PDB file of N, CA and C in Angstrom:
ATOM      1  N   GLY A   1       8.326 -42.150 -50.477  1.00  0.00           N
ATOM      2  CA  GLY A   1       7.758 -41.340 -49.323  1.00  0.00           C
ATOM      3  C   GLY A   1       9.106 -41.449 -48.672  1.00  0.00           C
ATOM      4  N   TYR A   2       9.072 -40.073 -47.939  1.00  0.00           N
ATOM      5  CA  TYR A   2      10.412 -40.163 -46.959  1.00  0.00           C
ATOM      6  C   TYR A   2       9.289 -39.276 -45.326  1.00  0.00           C
ATOM      7  N   MET A   3       9.562 -40.559 -44.412  1.00  0.00           N
ATOM      8  CA  MET A   3       9.242 -39.301 -43.230  1.00  0.00           C
ATOM      9  C   MET A   3       9.785 -38.471 -42.420  1.00  0.00           C
ATOM     10  N   GLY A   4      11.175 -39.310 -42.217  1.00  0.00           N
ATOM     11  CA  GLY A   4      12.423 -38.471 -41.401  1.00  0.00           C
ATOM     12  C   GLY A   4      12.351 -39.050 -40.587  1.00  0.00           C
ATOM     13  N   ILE A   5      12.472 -40.418 -39.894  1.00  0.00           N
ATOM     14  CA  ILE A   5      12.215 -40.887 -38.470  1.00  0.00           C
ATOM     15  C   ILE A   5      13.401 -41.686 -38.450  1.00  0.00           C
ATOM     16  N   THR A   6      14.108 -42.219 -37.287  1.00  0.00           N
ATOM     17  CA  THR A   6      14.927 -43.243 -37.588  1.00  0.00           C
ATOM     18  C   THR A   6      13.717 -44.085 -36.231  1.00  0.00           C
ATOM     19  N   MET A   7      13.763 -45.349 -36.818  1.00  0.00           N
ATOM     20  CA  MET A   7      13.241 -46.284 -35.879  1.00  0.00           C
ATOM     21  C   MET A   7      13.355 -47.779 -35.413  1.00  0.00           C
ATOM     22  N   GLN A   8      12.905 -47.775 -34.129  1.00  0.00           N
ATOM     23  CA  GLN A   8      14.161 -49.273 -33.998  1.00  0.00           C
ATOM     24  C   GLN A   8      12.374 -50.110 -33.346  1.00  0.00           C
ATOM     25  N   ASP A   9      12.551 -51.518 -33.475  1.00  0.00           N
ATOM     26  CA  ASP A   9      11.826 -52.573 -33.306  1.00  0.00           C
ATOM     27  C   ASP A   9      11.502 -52.954 -31.710  1.00  0.00           C
ATOM     28  N   ILE A  10      10.568 -52.857 -31.491  1.00  0.00           N
ATOM     29  CA  ILE A  10      10.202 -53.488 -30.058  1.00  0.00           C
ATOM     30  C   ILE A  10      10.357 -54.612 -29.494  1.00  0.00           C
ATOM     31  N   THR A  11      11.174 -55.334 -28.913  1.00  0.00           N
ATOM     32  CA  THR A  11      11.430 -56.956 -28.703  1.00  0.00           C
ATOM     33  C   THR A  11       9.936 -56.886 -27.790  1.00  0.00           C
ATOM     34  N   ASP A  12      10.057 -58.051 -27.723  1.00  0.00           N
ATOM     35  CA  ASP A  12       8.621 -59.144 -26.870  1.00  0.00           C
ATOM     36  C   ASP A  12       9.136 -58.745 -25.398  1.00  0.00           C
ATOM     37  N   GLN A  13      10.459 -58.961 -25.299  1.00  0.00           N
ATOM     38  CA  GLN A  13      10.699 -58.666 -24.184  1.00  0.00           C
ATOM     39  C   GLN A  13      10.870 -57.190 -23.314  1.00  0.00           C
ATOM     40  N   ILE A  14      11.284 -56.382 -24.109  1.00  0.00           N
ATOM     41  CA  ILE A  14      10.854 -54.889 -23.867  1.00  0.00           C
ATOM     42  C   ILE A  14       9.476 -54.566 -24.076  1.00  0.00           C
ATOM     43  N   MET A  15       8.494 -55.680 -24.464  1.00  0.00           N
ATOM     44  CA  MET A  15       7.027 -54.879 -24.829  1.00  0.00           C
ATOM     45  C   MET A  15       6.698 -55.299 -23.247  1.00  0.00           C
ATOM     46  N   GLN A  16       7.321 -56.483 -22.948  1.00  0.00           N
ATOM     47  CA  GLN A  16       6.677 -57.002 -21.266  1.00  0.00           C
ATOM     48  C   GLN A  16       7.579 -56.000 -20.211  1.00  0.00           C
ATOM     49  N   MET A  17       8.682 -55.525 -20.352  1.00  0.00           N
ATOM     50  CA  MET A  17       9.153 -55.215 -19.341  1.00  0.00           C
ATOM     51  C   MET A  17       8.688 -53.460 -18.930  1.00  0.00           C
ATOM     52  N   TYR A  18       8.499 -52.873 -20.048  1.00  0.00           N
ATOM     53  CA  TYR A  18       8.156 -51.304 -19.960  1.00  0.00           C
ATOM     54  C   TYR A  18       6.565 -51.664 -20.403  1.00  0.00           C
ATOM     55  N   ASN A  19       5.660 -52.250 -20.444  1.00  0.00           N
ATOM     56  CA  ASN A  19       4.622 -52.083 -20.762  1.00  0.00           C
ATOM     57  C   ASN A  19       4.431 -51.654 -22.150  1.00  0.00           C
ATOM     58  N   MET A  20       5.052 -51.575 -22.730  1.00  0.00           N
ATOM     59  CA  MET A  20       4.946 -51.276 -24.646  1.00  0.00           C
ATOM     60  C   MET A  20       3.746 -51.732 -25.110  1.00  0.00           C
ATOM     61  N   PRO A  21       3.054 -51.210 -25.838  1.00  0.00           N
ATOM     62  CA  PRO A  21       2.546 -51.486 -27.316  1.00  0.00           C
ATOM     63  C   PRO A  21       3.281 -52.087 -27.910  1.00  0.00           C
ATOM     64  N   ALA A  22       2.875 -52.869 -28.809  1.00  0.00           N
ATOM     65  CA  ALA A  22       3.775 -53.730 -30.109  1.00  0.00           C
ATOM     66  C   ALA A  22       3.606 -52.425 -31.408  1.00  0.00           C
ATOM     67  N   GLY A  23       4.838 -52.084 -32.373  1.00  0.00           N
ATOM     68  CA  GLY A  23       4.777 -51.020 -33.014  1.00  0.00           C
ATOM     69  C   GLY A  23       6.578 -50.733 -33.461  1.00  0.00           C
ATOM     70  N   VAL A  24       6.222 -49.913 -33.599  1.00  0.00           N
ATOM     71  CA  VAL A  24       8.076 -48.951 -34.241  1.00  0.00           C
ATOM     72  C   VAL A  24       8.427 -48.138 -33.364  1.00  0.00           C
ATOM     73  N   PHE A  25       8.876 -47.954 -32.522  1.00  0.00           N
ATOM     74  CA  PHE A  25      10.007 -46.912 -31.657  1.00  0.00           C
ATOM     75  C   PHE A  25      10.253 -46.188 -32.505  1.00  0.00           C
ATOM     76  N   VAL A  26       9.685 -45.087 -32.197  1.00  0.00           N
ATOM     77  CA  VAL A  26      10.264 -43.379 -32.726  1.00  0.00           C
ATOM     78  C   VAL A  26      11.958 -43.224 -32.019  1.00  0.00           C
ATOM     79  N   TYR A  27      12.950 -43.463 -32.777  1.00  0.00           N
ATOM     80  CA  TYR A  27      13.843 -43.090 -32.282  1.00  0.00           C
ATOM     81  C   TYR A  27      14.629 -42.066 -32.119  1.00  0.00           C
ATOM     82  N   GLU A  28      14.744 -41.503 -33.417  1.00  0.00           N
ATOM     83  CA  GLU A  28      14.874 -40.072 -33.597  1.00  0.00           C
ATOM     84  C   GLU A  28      14.041 -39.386 -34.718  1.00  0.00           C
ATOM     85  N   VAL A  29      13.204 -37.939 -34.475  1.00  0.00           N
ATOM     86  CA  VAL A  29      12.855 -37.188 -35.863  1.00  0.00           C
ATOM     87  C   VAL A  29      13.637 -35.945 -36.206  1.00  0.00           C
ATOM     88  N   ALA A  30      13.707 -36.288 -37.895  1.00  0.00           N
ATOM     89  CA  ALA A  30      14.629 -35.238 -38.211  1.00  0.00           C
ATOM     90  C   ALA A  30      13.857 -33.766 -38.216  1.00  0.00           C
ATOM     91  N   ASP A  31      14.759 -32.755 -37.857  1.00  0.00           N
ATOM     92  CA  ASP A  31      14.371 -31.539 -38.083  1.00  0.00           C
ATOM     93  C   ASP A  31      14.741 -31.169 -39.776  1.00  0.00           C
ATOM     94  N   GLY A  32      12.581 -30.350 -39.497  1.00  0.00           N
ATOM     95  CA  GLY A  32      12.681 -29.817 -40.472  1.00  0.00           C
ATOM     96  C   GLY A  32      11.213 -31.332 -41.680  1.00  0.00           C
ATOM     97  N   SER A  33      11.832 -32.311 -41.107  1.00  0.00           N
ATOM     98  CA  SER A  33      11.117 -33.515 -42.389  1.00  0.00           C
ATOM     99  C   SER A  33       9.548 -33.519 -41.817  1.00  0.00           C
ATOM    100  N   ALA A  34       9.219 -34.469 -42.605  1.00  0.00           N
ATOM    101  CA  ALA A  34       7.506 -34.523 -42.957  1.00  0.00           C
ATOM    102  C   ALA A  34       6.980 -35.370 -41.308  1.00  0.00           C
ATOM    103  N   ALA A  35       7.793 -36.282 -40.755  1.00  0.00           N
ATOM    104  CA  ALA A  35       7.802 -36.884 -39.375  1.00  0.00           C
ATOM    105  C   ALA A  35       7.032 -35.442 -38.294  1.00  0.00           C
ATOM    106  N   GLU A  36       8.302 -34.518 -38.198  1.00  0.00           N
ATOM    107  CA  GLU A  36       8.672 -33.300 -37.531  1.00  0.00           C
ATOM    108  C   GLU A  36       7.110 -32.758 -37.887  1.00  0.00           C
ATOM    109  N   THR A  37       6.630 -32.151 -38.832  1.00  0.00           N
ATOM    110  CA  THR A  37       5.575 -31.501 -39.442  1.00  0.00           C
ATOM    111  C   THR A  37       3.906 -32.007 -38.901  1.00  0.00           C
ATOM    112  N   ALA A  38       4.080 -32.915 -38.636  1.00  0.00           N
ATOM    113  CA  ALA A  38       2.876 -34.217 -38.376  1.00  0.00           C
ATOM    114  C   ALA A  38       3.026 -34.206 -37.291  1.00  0.00           C
ATOM    115  N   GLY A  39       3.854 -33.982 -36.123  1.00  0.00           N
ATOM    116  CA  GLY A  39       4.061 -33.763 -34.793  1.00  0.00           C
ATOM    117  C   GLY A  39       4.325 -35.387 -34.284  1.00  0.00           C
ATOM    118  N   ILE A  40       4.970 -36.243 -35.009  1.00  0.00           N
ATOM    119  CA  ILE A  40       5.269 -37.118 -34.336  1.00  0.00           C
ATOM    120  C   ILE A  40       6.558 -36.681 -33.778  1.00  0.00           C
ATOM    121  N   LYS A  41       6.656 -37.192 -32.420  1.00  0.00           N
ATOM    122  CA  LYS A  41       7.643 -37.319 -31.511  1.00  0.00           C
ATOM    123  C   LYS A  41       8.853 -38.434 -31.065  1.00  0.00           C
ATOM    124  N   ARG A  42       9.745 -38.107 -31.121  1.00  0.00           N
ATOM    125  CA  ARG A  42      10.889 -38.951 -30.190  1.00  0.00           C
ATOM    126  C   ARG A  42      10.212 -39.847 -29.125  1.00  0.00           C
ATOM    127  N   GLY A  43      10.045 -41.097 -29.345  1.00  0.00           N
ATOM    128  CA  GLY A  43       9.463 -42.086 -27.947  1.00  0.00           C
ATOM    129  C   GLY A  43       8.173 -42.425 -28.310  1.00  0.00           C
ATOM    130  N   ASP A  44       7.926 -41.766 -29.571  1.00  0.00           N
ATOM    131  CA  ASP A  44       6.144 -41.918 -29.962  1.00  0.00           C
ATOM    132  C   ASP A  44       6.475 -44.012 -30.199  1.00  0.00           C
ATOM    133  N   ILE A  45       5.366 -44.461 -30.640  1.00  0.00           N
ATOM    134  CA  ILE A  45       5.249 -46.090 -30.895  1.00  0.00           C
ATOM    135  C   ILE A  45       4.207 -45.622 -32.302  1.00  0.00           C
ATOM    136  N   ILE A  46       4.456 -45.754 -33.132  1.00  0.00           N
ATOM    137  CA  ILE A  46       3.741 -46.105 -34.328  1.00  0.00           C
ATOM    138  C   ILE A  46       3.400 -47.442 -34.593  1.00  0.00           C
ATOM    139  N   VAL A  47       2.030 -47.596 -34.590  1.00  0.00           N
ATOM    140  CA  VAL A  47       1.282 -48.893 -34.438  1.00  0.00           C
ATOM    141  C   VAL A  47       0.177 -49.125 -35.977  1.00  0.00           C
ATOM    142  N   LYS A  48       0.217 -47.950 -36.208  1.00  0.00           N
ATOM    143  CA  LYS A  48      -0.635 -47.823 -37.730  1.00  0.00           C
ATOM    144  C   LYS A  48      -0.015 -46.488 -38.734  1.00  0.00           C
ATOM    145  N   PHE A  49      -0.036 -47.418 -40.253  1.00  0.00           N
ATOM    146  CA  PHE A  49       0.355 -46.624 -40.700  1.00  0.00           C
ATOM    147  C   PHE A  49      -0.908 -46.582 -42.102  1.00  0.00           C
ATOM    148  N   ASP A  50      -1.778 -45.471 -42.271  1.00  0.00           N
ATOM    149  CA  ASP A  50      -3.192 -45.755 -43.141  1.00  0.00           C
ATOM    150  C   ASP A  50      -3.647 -47.184 -43.054  1.00  0.00           C
ATOM    151  N   GLY A  51      -3.931 -47.229 -41.733  1.00  0.00           N
ATOM    152  CA  GLY A  51      -4.815 -48.421 -41.470  1.00  0.00           C
ATOM    153  C   GLY A  51      -4.500 -49.420 -40.890  1.00  0.00           C
ATOM    154  N   GLN A  52      -3.141 -50.010 -41.818  1.00  0.00           N
ATOM    155  CA  GLN A  52      -2.571 -51.202 -41.793  1.00  0.00           C
ATOM    156  C   GLN A  52      -1.354 -50.958 -39.950  1.00  0.00           C
ATOM    157  N   LYS A  53      -1.897 -52.268 -39.822  1.00  0.00           N
ATOM    158  CA  LYS A  53      -1.014 -52.441 -38.502  1.00  0.00           C
ATOM    159  C   LYS A  53       0.266 -52.648 -38.841  1.00  0.00           C
ATOM    160  N   ILE A  54       1.601 -52.317 -38.091  1.00  0.00           N
ATOM    161  CA  ILE A  54       2.921 -51.833 -37.986  1.00  0.00           C
ATOM    162  C   ILE A  54       3.060 -52.545 -36.401  1.00  0.00           C
ATOM    163  N   SER A  55       4.273 -53.426 -36.900  1.00  0.00           N
ATOM    164  CA  SER A  55       4.839 -53.959 -35.702  1.00  0.00           C
ATOM    165  C   SER A  55       6.007 -54.523 -35.640  1.00  0.00           C
ATOM    166  N   SER A  56       6.709 -53.723 -37.028  1.00  0.00           N
ATOM    167  CA  SER A  56       8.132 -54.034 -37.199  1.00  0.00           C
ATOM    168  C   SER A  56       8.597 -52.994 -37.652  1.00  0.00           C
ATOM    169  N   ALA A  57       9.666 -52.959 -37.954  1.00  0.00           N
ATOM    170  CA  ALA A  57      10.491 -51.849 -39.046  1.00  0.00           C
ATOM    171  C   ALA A  57       9.909 -52.283 -40.669  1.00  0.00           C
ATOM    172  N   SER A  58      10.113 -53.793 -40.545  1.00  0.00           N
ATOM    173  CA  SER A  58      10.343 -54.169 -41.979  1.00  0.00           C
ATOM    174  C   SER A  58       8.708 -53.871 -42.032  1.00  0.00           C
ATOM    175  N   ASP A  59       7.762 -53.846 -41.345  1.00  0.00           N
ATOM    176  CA  ASP A  59       6.274 -53.969 -41.658  1.00  0.00           C
ATOM    177  C   ASP A  59       6.193 -52.415 -42.191  1.00  0.00           C
ATOM    178  N   MET A  60       7.073 -51.274 -41.478  1.00  0.00           N
ATOM    179  CA  MET A  60       6.989 -49.946 -41.994  1.00  0.00           C
ATOM    180  C   MET A  60       7.347 -49.796 -43.619  1.00  0.00           C
ATOM    181  N   LYS A  61       8.537 -50.156 -43.465  1.00  0.00           N
ATOM    182  CA  LYS A  61       9.059 -50.207 -44.736  1.00  0.00           C
ATOM    183  C   LYS A  61       8.061 -50.991 -46.044  1.00  0.00           C
ATOM    184  N   ASN A  62       7.942 -52.101 -45.788  1.00  0.00           N
ATOM    185  CA  ASN A  62       7.164 -52.799 -46.960  1.00  0.00           C
ATOM    186  C   ASN A  62       5.937 -52.014 -47.009  1.00  0.00           C
ATOM    187  N   VAL A  63       5.382 -51.390 -45.882  1.00  0.00           N
ATOM    188  CA  VAL A  63       4.419 -50.375 -46.403  1.00  0.00           C
ATOM    189  C   VAL A  63       4.716 -48.864 -46.943  1.00  0.00           C
ATOM    190  N   MET A  64       5.712 -48.426 -46.770  1.00  0.00           N
ATOM    191  CA  MET A  64       5.946 -47.605 -47.323  1.00  0.00           C
ATOM    192  C   MET A  64       6.043 -47.205 -48.617  1.00  0.00           C
ATOM    193  N   GLN A  65       6.636 -48.512 -49.213  1.00  0.00           N
ATOM    194  CA  GLN A  65       7.325 -48.717 -50.441  1.00  0.00           C
ATOM    195  C   GLN A  65       5.670 -48.517 -51.828  1.00  0.00           C
ATOM    196  N   TYR A  66       4.545 -48.212 -51.224  1.00  0.00           N
ATOM    197  CA  TYR A  66       3.815 -47.630 -51.775  1.00  0.00           C
ATOM    198  C   TYR A  66       3.098 -46.269 -51.827  1.00  0.00           C
ATOM    199  N   TYR A  67       3.992 -45.598 -50.857  1.00  0.00           N
ATOM    200  CA  TYR A  67       4.090 -44.177 -51.042  1.00  0.00           C
ATOM    201  C   TYR A  67       4.969 -43.277 -51.373  1.00  0.00           C
ATOM    202  N   LYS A  68       4.863 -42.013 -52.447  1.00  0.00           N
ATOM    203  CA  LYS A  68       5.641 -41.136 -52.531  1.00  0.00           C
ATOM    204  C   LYS A  68       5.307 -39.786 -52.356  1.00  0.00           C
ATOM    205  N   ALA A  69       6.616 -39.276 -52.168  1.00  0.00           N
ATOM    206  CA  ALA A  69       6.391 -37.947 -51.686  1.00  0.00           C
ATOM    207  C   ALA A  69       5.073 -37.130 -52.350  1.00  0.00           C
ATOM    208  N   GLY A  70       4.729 -36.488 -51.448  1.00  0.00           N
ATOM    209  CA  GLY A  70       3.221 -35.431 -51.704  1.00  0.00           C
ATOM    210  C   GLY A  70       1.874 -36.354 -51.148  1.00  0.00           C
ATOM    211  N   ASP A  71       2.712 -37.877 -51.255  1.00  0.00           N
ATOM    212  CA  ASP A  71       1.011 -38.485 -50.899  1.00  0.00           C
ATOM    213  C   ASP A  71       1.104 -38.320 -49.208  1.00  0.00           C
ATOM    214  N   THR A  72      -0.405 -37.978 -48.272  1.00  0.00           N
ATOM    215  CA  THR A  72      -0.678 -38.115 -47.292  1.00  0.00           C
ATOM    216  C   THR A  72      -1.643 -39.280 -46.844  1.00  0.00           C
ATOM    217  N   ALA A  73      -1.219 -39.353 -45.724  1.00  0.00           N
ATOM    218  CA  ALA A  73      -1.786 -40.843 -44.793  1.00  0.00           C
ATOM    219  C   ALA A  73      -1.670 -40.145 -43.425  1.00  0.00           C
ATOM    220  N   THR A  74      -2.536 -41.128 -42.645  1.00  0.00           N
ATOM    221  CA  THR A  74      -3.005 -40.980 -41.212  1.00  0.00           C
ATOM    222  C   THR A  74      -1.707 -42.065 -40.387  1.00  0.00           C
ATOM    223  N   ILE A  75      -0.901 -41.696 -39.316  1.00  0.00           N
ATOM    224  CA  ILE A  75      -0.199 -42.474 -38.537  1.00  0.00           C
ATOM    225  C   ILE A  75      -0.879 -42.271 -37.242  1.00  0.00           C
ATOM    226  N   THR A  76      -0.877 -43.677 -36.785  1.00  0.00           N
ATOM    227  CA  THR A  76      -1.766 -43.812 -35.549  1.00  0.00           C
ATOM    228  C   THR A  76      -0.223 -43.946 -34.791  1.00  0.00           C
ATOM    229  N   VAL A  77       0.039 -43.364 -33.531  1.00  0.00           N
ATOM    230  CA  VAL A  77       0.872 -43.527 -32.693  1.00  0.00           C
ATOM    231  C   VAL A  77       0.564 -43.543 -31.271  1.00  0.00           C
ATOM    232  N   LYS A  78       0.810 -44.680 -30.642  1.00  0.00           N
ATOM    233  CA  LYS A  78       0.524 -44.308 -28.892  1.00  0.00           C
ATOM    234  C   LYS A  78       2.125 -43.404 -28.257  1.00  0.00           C
ATOM    235  N   ARG A  79       1.484 -42.678 -27.615  1.00  0.00           N
ATOM    236  CA  ARG A  79       2.111 -41.455 -27.217  1.00  0.00           C
ATOM    237  C   ARG A  79       1.855 -42.143 -24.991  1.00  0.00           C
ATOM    238  N   ALA A  80       3.494 -42.188 -24.731  1.00  0.00           N
ATOM    239  CA  ALA A  80       3.219 -42.558 -23.036  1.00  0.00           C
ATOM    240  C   ALA A  80       2.943 -40.687 -22.759  1.00  0.00           C
ATOM    241  N   THR A  81       1.791 -41.049 -21.658  1.00  0.00           N
ATOM    242  CA  THR A  81       1.575 -39.457 -21.223  1.00  0.00           C
ATOM    243  C   THR A  81       1.143 -40.063 -19.942  1.00  0.00           C
ATOM    244  N   ASN A  82       1.836 -39.592 -18.913  1.00  0.00           N
ATOM    245  CA  ASN A  82       1.715 -39.745 -17.488  1.00  0.00           C
ATOM    246  C   ASN A  82       1.664 -41.479 -17.057  1.00  0.00           C
ATOM    247  N   GLY A  83       2.633 -41.909 -17.755  1.00  0.00           N
ATOM    248  CA  GLY A  83       2.246 -43.566 -17.734  1.00  0.00           C
ATOM    249  C   GLY A  83       1.368 -44.290 -18.937  1.00  0.00           C
ATOM    250  N   GLU A  84       0.687 -44.143 -18.924  1.00  0.00           N
ATOM    251  CA  GLU A  84      -0.299 -44.183 -20.166  1.00  0.00           C
ATOM    252  C   GLU A  84       0.232 -43.836 -21.397  1.00  0.00           C
ATOM    253  N   TYR A  85      -0.281 -45.094 -22.533  1.00  0.00           N
ATOM    254  CA  TYR A  85      -0.107 -44.811 -23.943  1.00  0.00           C
ATOM    255  C   TYR A  85      -1.225 -44.542 -24.163  1.00  0.00           C
ATOM    256  N   GLU A  86      -1.657 -43.112 -24.630  1.00  0.00           N
ATOM    257  CA  GLU A  86      -2.863 -42.990 -25.446  1.00  0.00           C
ATOM    258  C   GLU A  86      -2.350 -42.846 -26.964  1.00  0.00           C
ATOM    259  N   SER A  87      -3.508 -43.452 -27.920  1.00  0.00           N
ATOM    260  CA  SER A  87      -3.965 -43.434 -29.093  1.00  0.00           C
ATOM    261  C   SER A  87      -4.162 -41.875 -29.754  1.00  0.00           C
ATOM    262  N   ILE A  88      -2.697 -41.582 -30.764  1.00  0.00           N
ATOM    263  CA  ILE A  88      -3.261 -40.140 -31.389  1.00  0.00           C
ATOM    264  C   ILE A  88      -3.441 -40.784 -32.994  1.00  0.00           C
ATOM    265  N   ASP A  89      -4.103 -39.858 -33.502  1.00  0.00           N
ATOM    266  CA  ASP A  89      -3.647 -39.815 -34.707  1.00  0.00           C
ATOM    267  C   ASP A  89      -3.443 -38.555 -35.505  1.00  0.00           C
ATOM    268  N   LEU A  90      -2.252 -38.911 -36.202  1.00  0.00           N
ATOM    269  CA  LEU A  90      -1.412 -37.812 -36.897  1.00  0.00           C
ATOM    270  C   LEU A  90      -1.781 -37.635 -38.818  1.00  0.00           C
ATOM    271  N   GLU A  91      -1.936 -36.927 -39.047  1.00  0.00           N
ATOM    272  CA  GLU A  91      -1.838 -36.611 -40.482  1.00  0.00           C
ATOM    273  C   GLU A  91      -0.439 -36.655 -41.337  1.00  0.00           C
ATOM    274  N   ILE A  92       0.347 -37.261 -42.072  1.00  0.00           N
ATOM    275  CA  ILE A  92       1.208 -36.984 -42.618  1.00  0.00           C
ATOM    276  C   ILE A  92       1.496 -36.425 -44.116  1.00  0.00           C
ATOM    277  N   THR A  93       1.957 -35.452 -44.548  1.00  0.00           N
ATOM    278  CA  THR A  93       2.407 -35.592 -46.074  1.00  0.00           C
ATOM    279  C   THR A  93       3.828 -36.215 -45.935  1.00  0.00           C
ATOM    280  N   LEU A  94       3.785 -36.768 -47.043  1.00  0.00           N
ATOM    281  CA  LEU A  94       5.122 -37.370 -47.334  1.00  0.00           C
ATOM    282  C   LEU A  94       6.280 -37.128 -47.996  1.00  0.00           C
ATOM    283  N   GLY A  95       7.375 -36.749 -47.542  1.00  0.00           N
ATOM    284  CA  GLY A  95       8.751 -35.805 -48.196  1.00  0.00           C
ATOM    285  C   GLY A  95       9.207 -36.543 -48.962  1.00  0.00           C
ATOM    286  N   GLU A  96      10.639 -35.853 -49.387  1.00  0.00           N
ATOM    287  CA  GLU A  96      11.687 -36.715 -50.414  1.00  0.00           C
ATOM    288  C   GLU A  96      12.542 -36.952 -49.833  1.00  0.00           C
ATOM    289  N   LYS A  97      12.801 -37.952 -49.866  1.00  0.00           N
ATOM    290  CA  LYS A  97      14.601 -38.393 -49.382  1.00  0.00           C
ATOM    291  C   LYS A  97      16.009 -37.660 -49.850  1.00  0.00           C
ATOM    292  N   PRO A  98      16.197 -36.708 -48.616  1.00  0.00           N
ATOM    293  CA  PRO A  98      17.055 -36.200 -49.078  1.00  0.00           C
ATOM    294  C   PRO A  98      18.626 -36.805 -49.507  1.00  0.00           C
ATOM    295  N   GLN A  99      19.252 -35.775 -50.166  1.00  0.00           N
ATOM    296  CA  GLN A  99      20.029 -36.560 -51.121  1.00  0.00           C
ATOM    297  C   GLN A  99      21.303 -36.867 -50.484  1.00  0.00           C
ATOM    298  N   ASN A 100      21.799 -36.690 -49.197  1.00  0.00           N
ATOM    299  CA  ASN A 100      22.839 -36.763 -48.685  1.00  0.00           C
ATOM    300  C   ASN A 100      22.878 -37.788 -47.951  1.00  0.00           C
TER     301      ASN A 100
END
Protein backbone atom coordinates (compact mmCIF):
# COMPACT_ATOMS: atom_id res chain seq x y z
CA GLY A 1 0.00 0.00 0.00
CA TYR A 2 1.02 3.58 -0.63
CA MET A 3 0.11 6.70 1.33
CA GLY A 4 1.89 9.40 -0.65
CA ILE A 5 3.81 11.17 2.09
CA THR A 6 7.40 12.14 2.68
CA MET A 7 8.14 11.53 6.34
CA GLN A 8 10.86 12.52 8.77
CA ASP A 9 11.81 11.17 12.17
CA ILE A 10 11.42 13.53 15.11
CA THR A 11 14.53 13.44 17.28
CA ASP A 12 14.37 13.67 21.07
CA GLN A 13 16.06 17.06 20.79
CA ILE A 14 13.38 18.41 18.42
CA MET A 15 10.61 16.93 20.61
CA GLN A 16 11.95 18.84 23.62
CA MET A 17 12.80 22.05 21.76
CA TYR A 18 9.40 22.40 20.06
CA ASN A 19 7.33 20.42 22.56
CA MET A 20 6.32 17.98 19.82
CA PRO A 21 4.80 14.53 20.40
CA ALA A 22 6.71 11.38 19.45
CA GLY A 23 5.80 10.12 15.98
CA VAL A 24 6.62 10.65 12.33
CA PHE A 25 6.57 14.20 10.94
CA VAL A 26 4.73 14.57 7.61
CA TYR A 27 7.13 16.69 5.57
CA GLU A 28 5.20 16.53 2.32
CA VAL A 29 1.89 15.16 0.99
CA ALA A 30 1.73 14.20 -2.69
CA ASP A 31 -1.08 15.76 -4.76
CA GLY A 32 -3.94 13.35 -5.35
CA SER A 33 -2.44 10.76 -2.99
CA ALA A 34 -4.28 8.54 -0.50
CA ALA A 35 -2.87 10.73 2.29
CA GLU A 36 -4.26 13.94 0.73
CA THR A 37 -7.66 12.30 0.22
CA ALA A 38 -7.67 11.17 3.87
CA GLY A 39 -6.98 14.73 5.04
CA ILE A 40 -3.37 14.32 6.17
CA LYS A 41 -1.61 17.68 6.02
CA ARG A 42 2.00 18.80 5.92
CA GLY A 43 3.17 19.28 9.50
CA ASP A 44 0.95 16.54 10.93
CA ILE A 45 2.66 14.01 13.18
CA ILE A 46 1.57 10.41 12.68
CA VAL A 47 1.43 8.71 16.09
CA LYS A 48 -0.64 5.60 15.30
CA PHE A 49 -1.44 3.49 12.25
CA ASP A 50 -4.42 1.16 12.74
CA GLY A 51 -3.90 1.22 16.50
CA GLN A 52 -0.16 0.52 16.37
CA LYS A 53 2.10 3.14 17.94
CA ILE A 54 4.40 4.87 15.46
CA SER A 55 7.52 6.60 16.73
CA SER A 56 9.82 6.52 13.69
CA ALA A 57 9.83 6.20 9.91
CA SER A 58 11.09 2.62 10.28
CA ASP A 59 8.06 1.81 12.51
CA MET A 60 5.85 3.22 9.77
CA LYS A 61 7.56 1.14 7.04
CA ASN A 62 7.36 -2.02 9.19
CA VAL A 63 3.60 -1.59 9.71
CA MET A 64 2.93 -0.57 6.09
CA GLN A 65 4.44 -3.77 4.66
CA TYR A 66 1.32 -5.67 5.84
CA TYR A 67 -1.09 -3.41 3.93
CA LYS A 68 -1.82 -3.34 0.22
CA ALA A 69 -3.53 -0.92 -2.16
CA GLY A 70 -7.25 -0.75 -1.41
CA ASP A 71 -6.82 -1.57 2.29
CA THR A 72 -8.39 0.89 4.72
CA ALA A 73 -6.80 1.91 8.01
CA THR A 74 -7.24 4.52 10.73
CA ILE A 75 -4.34 6.91 11.15
CA THR A 76 -4.04 9.00 14.30
CA VAL A 77 -2.22 12.29 13.77
CA LYS A 78 -1.34 15.09 16.13
CA ARG A 79 -1.98 18.46 14.50
CA ALA A 80 -0.81 21.80 15.87
CA THR A 81 -3.79 24.08 16.46
CA ASN A 82 -3.18 27.39 18.24
CA GLY A 83 0.06 26.09 19.72
CA GLU A 84 -1.48 22.86 21.08
CA TYR A 85 -1.29 19.43 19.48
CA GLU A 86 -4.70 17.86 19.10
CA SER A 87 -5.31 14.23 18.24
CA ILE A 88 -7.26 13.52 15.03
CA ASP A 89 -8.29 10.11 13.65
CA LEU A 90 -8.36 9.90 9.86
CA GLU A 91 -9.55 7.07 7.66
CA ILE A 92 -7.18 6.24 4.79
CA THR A 93 -7.65 3.91 1.84
CA LEU A 94 -4.19 3.07 0.54
CA GLY A 95 -3.34 3.57 -3.10
CA GLU A 96 -0.89 2.09 -5.57
CA LYS A 97 2.69 3.31 -5.55
CA PRO A 98 3.31 5.35 -8.74
CA GLN A 99 5.70 3.68 -11.19
CA ASN A 100 7.85 6.76 -11.83
